[in-house]
Amino acid sequence: MTNWRVVRRPIEPVMLLLAWKILVCEAVLAFERLRVCWRELLIVLLPPLVRQTRCARRMEFLAVRLGQMRRRIAAFESSLLNGAFREPVDADCAIRGMLKGLKEDIRHIRCEMAAVPALAARGYGGRRLRAAMDKLHTVAEETYAAADRLLWEIGEHDLKYIA
């Protein structure tokens, strides 16, 4: 009778580390997919009043932010018109690029608001949502016009100093 001994080879630490990294990465990806799906599912499952109120709050916050941008644009425009700058303001066109980006974002916001169905304005949450949309529409329109005016003013101002 022969005595066979089972020789166990030790597991390579490098292989173990690689397997552990793969396992952790897969777990992180799975949790990330679950988090995204859970949030979307939670929003769909919320009652209409909560969804409308949440959307109205976000629109009110956006209206406040756009109002702040409009005030900054107006302050910059008034200093430009009062002659505070004796050189080109936007020689590298960075400010004009930002203003064009702002106008594009405002255009996108207004298109999304136009896509909201009229049925969403029912009940208490709907009235608040409609009021927030009206306020955001007004502020977005004013900010768009102010950005457009400032674009023109910068162009006219810089034309004096560049040409």
Protein backbone atom coordinates (compact mmCIF):
# COMPACT_ATOMS: atom_id res chain seq x y z
CA MET A 1 0.00 0.00 0.00
CA THR A 2 1.40 3.32 -1.04
CA ASN A 3 1.07 6.38 1.04
CA TRP A 4 -0.01 9.22 -1.17
CA ARG A 5 0.29 12.61 0.28
CA VAL A 6 -1.68 15.43 -1.16
CA VAL A 7 0.59 18.28 -1.82
CA ARG A 8 -1.19 21.55 -1.57
CA ARG A 9 0.32 24.41 -3.41
CA PRO A 10 -0.08 27.78 -1.77
CA ILE A 11 -2.33 30.22 -3.55
CA GLU A 12 -0.37 32.93 -5.24
CA PRO A 13 -0.88 36.28 -3.48
CA VAL A 14 -0.96 38.07 -6.83
CA MET A 15 -3.84 35.90 -8.04
CA LEU A 16 -5.74 36.49 -4.83
CA LEU A 17 -5.25 40.24 -5.07
CA LEU A 18 -6.43 40.28 -8.69
CA ALA A 19 -9.52 38.21 -7.86
CA TRP A 20 -10.30 40.51 -4.94
CA LYS A 21 -10.01 43.61 -7.14
CA ILE A 22 -12.33 42.12 -9.76
CA LEU A 23 -14.87 41.17 -7.08
CA VAL A 24 -14.82 44.64 -5.52
CA CYS A 25 -15.14 46.36 -8.91
CA GLU A 26 -18.12 44.20 -9.86
CA ALA A 27 -19.79 44.89 -6.52
CA VAL A 28 -19.27 48.65 -6.89
CA LEU A 29 -20.71 48.60 -10.41
CA ALA A 30 -23.72 46.60 -9.25
CA PHE A 31 -24.40 49.04 -6.40
CA GLU A 32 -24.05 51.99 -8.76
CA ARG A 33 -26.57 50.51 -11.20
CA LEU A 34 -28.92 49.74 -8.32
CA ARG A 35 -28.60 53.29 -6.94
CA VAL A 36 -29.50 54.86 -10.30
CA CYS A 37 -32.44 52.50 -10.87
CA TRP A 38 -33.67 52.89 -7.30
CA ARG A 39 -33.72 56.67 -7.56
CA GLU A 40 -35.70 56.58 -10.81
CA LEU A 41 -38.08 54.00 -9.39
CA LEU A 42 -38.55 56.02 -6.22
CA ILE A 43 -39.41 59.15 -8.21
CA VAL A 44 -41.98 57.26 -10.29
CA LEU A 45 -43.55 55.70 -7.19
CA LEU A 46 -43.93 59.01 -5.36
CA PRO A 47 -47.44 60.45 -5.19
CA PRO A 48 -48.18 63.18 -7.76
CA LEU A 49 -48.35 65.89 -5.09
CA VAL A 50 -44.83 65.08 -3.88
CA ARG A 51 -43.46 64.92 -7.44
CA GLN A 52 -45.08 68.24 -8.35
CA THR A 53 -43.85 69.92 -5.19
CA ARG A 54 -40.34 68.57 -5.71
CA CYS A 55 -40.30 69.79 -9.30
CA ALA A 56 -41.69 73.20 -8.27
CA ARG A 57 -38.98 73.59 -5.60
CA ARG A 58 -36.27 72.80 -8.15
CA MET A 59 -37.76 75.32 -10.60
CA GLU A 60 -37.97 77.98 -7.90
CA PHE A 61 -34.32 77.39 -7.03
CA LEU A 62 -33.37 77.62 -10.70
CA ALA A 63 -35.31 80.87 -11.03
CA VAL A 64 -33.37 82.32 -8.09
CA ARG A 65 -30.05 81.27 -9.67
CA LEU A 66 -31.02 82.77 -13.03
CA GLY A 67 -32.08 85.96 -11.27
CA GLN A 68 -28.67 86.20 -9.64
CA MET A 69 -27.01 85.74 -13.04
CA ARG A 70 -29.22 88.48 -14.49
CA ARG A 71 -28.16 90.87 -11.72
CA ARG A 72 -24.49 90.10 -12.34
CA ILE A 73 -24.93 90.65 -16.06
CA ALA A 74 -26.71 93.96 -15.39
CA ALA A 75 -23.91 95.10 -13.05
CA PHE A 76 -21.25 94.23 -15.62
CA GLU A 77 -23.22 95.97 -18.37
CA SER A 78 -23.65 99.14 -16.30
CA SER A 79 -19.94 99.29 -15.52
CA LEU A 80 -19.21 98.76 -19.21
CA LEU A 81 -21.58 101.57 -20.23
CA ASN A 82 -20.21 103.91 -17.56
CA GLY A 83 -16.74 103.68 -19.09
CA ALA A 84 -15.00 101.64 -16.41
CA PHE A 85 -12.90 99.82 -19.02
CA ARG A 86 -10.32 101.61 -21.18
CA GLU A 87 -9.21 98.45 -23.00
CA PRO A 88 -10.85 95.50 -24.72
CA VAL A 89 -12.98 93.61 -22.22
CA ASP A 90 -13.14 90.32 -24.04
CA ALA A 91 -10.23 90.11 -26.46
CA ASP A 92 -10.06 86.30 -26.20
CA CYS A 93 -13.88 85.92 -26.51
CA ALA A 94 -14.14 83.94 -23.25
CA ILE A 95 -16.94 86.08 -21.80
CA ARG A 96 -18.86 85.96 -25.05
CA GLY A 97 -18.52 82.18 -25.12
CA MET A 98 -19.90 81.92 -21.59
CA LEU A 99 -22.81 84.21 -22.45
CA LYS A 100 -23.60 82.16 -25.56
CA GLY A 101 -23.52 79.01 -23.42
CA LEU A 102 -25.88 80.64 -20.92
CA LYS A 103 -28.27 81.59 -23.70
CA GLU A 104 -28.19 78.02 -25.04
CA ASP A 105 -28.93 76.64 -21.55
CA ILE A 106 -31.84 79.06 -21.14
CA ARG A 107 -33.20 78.03 -24.54
CA HIS A 108 -33.00 74.38 -23.46
CA ILE A 109 -34.79 75.12 -20.16
CA ARG A 110 -37.59 76.93 -21.95
CA CYS A 111 -38.03 74.04 -24.41
CA GLU A 112 -38.27 71.57 -21.52
CA MET A 113 -40.85 73.74 -19.76
CA ALA A 114 -42.92 73.89 -22.94
CA ALA A 115 -42.96 70.08 -23.01
CA VAL A 116 -44.64 69.82 -19.58
CA PRO A 117 -48.24 68.77 -20.17
CA ALA A 118 -51.09 71.01 -19.08
CA LEU A 119 -52.50 68.16 -16.98
CA ALA A 120 -49.57 68.56 -14.58
CA ALA A 121 -51.12 71.77 -13.24
CA ARG A 122 -53.97 70.14 -11.32
CA GLY A 123 -54.43 70.30 -7.58
CA TYR A 124 -52.32 72.11 -4.99
CA GLY A 125 -49.00 70.76 -6.27
CA GLY A 126 -50.02 71.62 -9.81
CA ARG A 127 -50.82 75.23 -8.93
CA ARG A 128 -47.45 75.58 -7.24
CA LEU A 129 -45.77 73.93 -10.22
CA ARG A 130 -47.54 76.28 -12.66
CA ALA A 131 -46.55 79.33 -10.56
CA ALA A 132 -42.93 78.14 -10.44
CA MET A 133 -42.94 77.58 -14.19
CA ASP A 134 -44.35 81.05 -14.83
CA LYS A 135 -41.76 82.64 -12.58
CA LEU A 136 -38.94 80.64 -14.17
CA HIS A 137 -40.19 81.54 -17.63
CA THR A 138 -40.21 85.27 -16.78
CA VAL A 139 -36.76 85.19 -15.17
CA ALA A 140 -35.32 83.10 -18.00
CA GLU A 141 -36.69 85.52 -20.58
CA GLU A 142 -35.22 88.53 -18.75
CA THR A 143 -31.86 86.82 -18.28
CA TYR A 144 -31.74 85.79 -21.94
CA ALA A 145 -32.43 89.38 -23.03
CA ALA A 146 -29.80 90.73 -20.60
CA ALA A 147 -27.19 88.25 -21.87
CA ASP A 148 -28.02 89.16 -25.46
CA ARG A 149 -27.72 92.89 -24.67
CA LEU A 150 -24.38 92.35 -22.93
CA LEU A 151 -23.07 90.35 -25.89
CA TRP A 152 -23.87 93.25 -28.16
CA GLU A 153 -22.39 95.83 -25.77
CA ILE A 154 -19.14 93.87 -25.41
CA GLY A 155 -18.87 93.57 -29.17
CA GLU A 156 -19.39 97.32 -29.65
CA HIS A 157 -16.98 98.19 -26.82
CA ASP A 158 -14.22 95.91 -28.02
CA LEU A 159 -14.65 97.10 -31.61
CA LYS A 160 -13.52 100.58 -30.52
CA TYR A 161 -10.28 99.29 -29.01
CA ILE A 162 -9.38 96.47 -31.37
CA ALA A 163 -9.95 98.28 -34.68
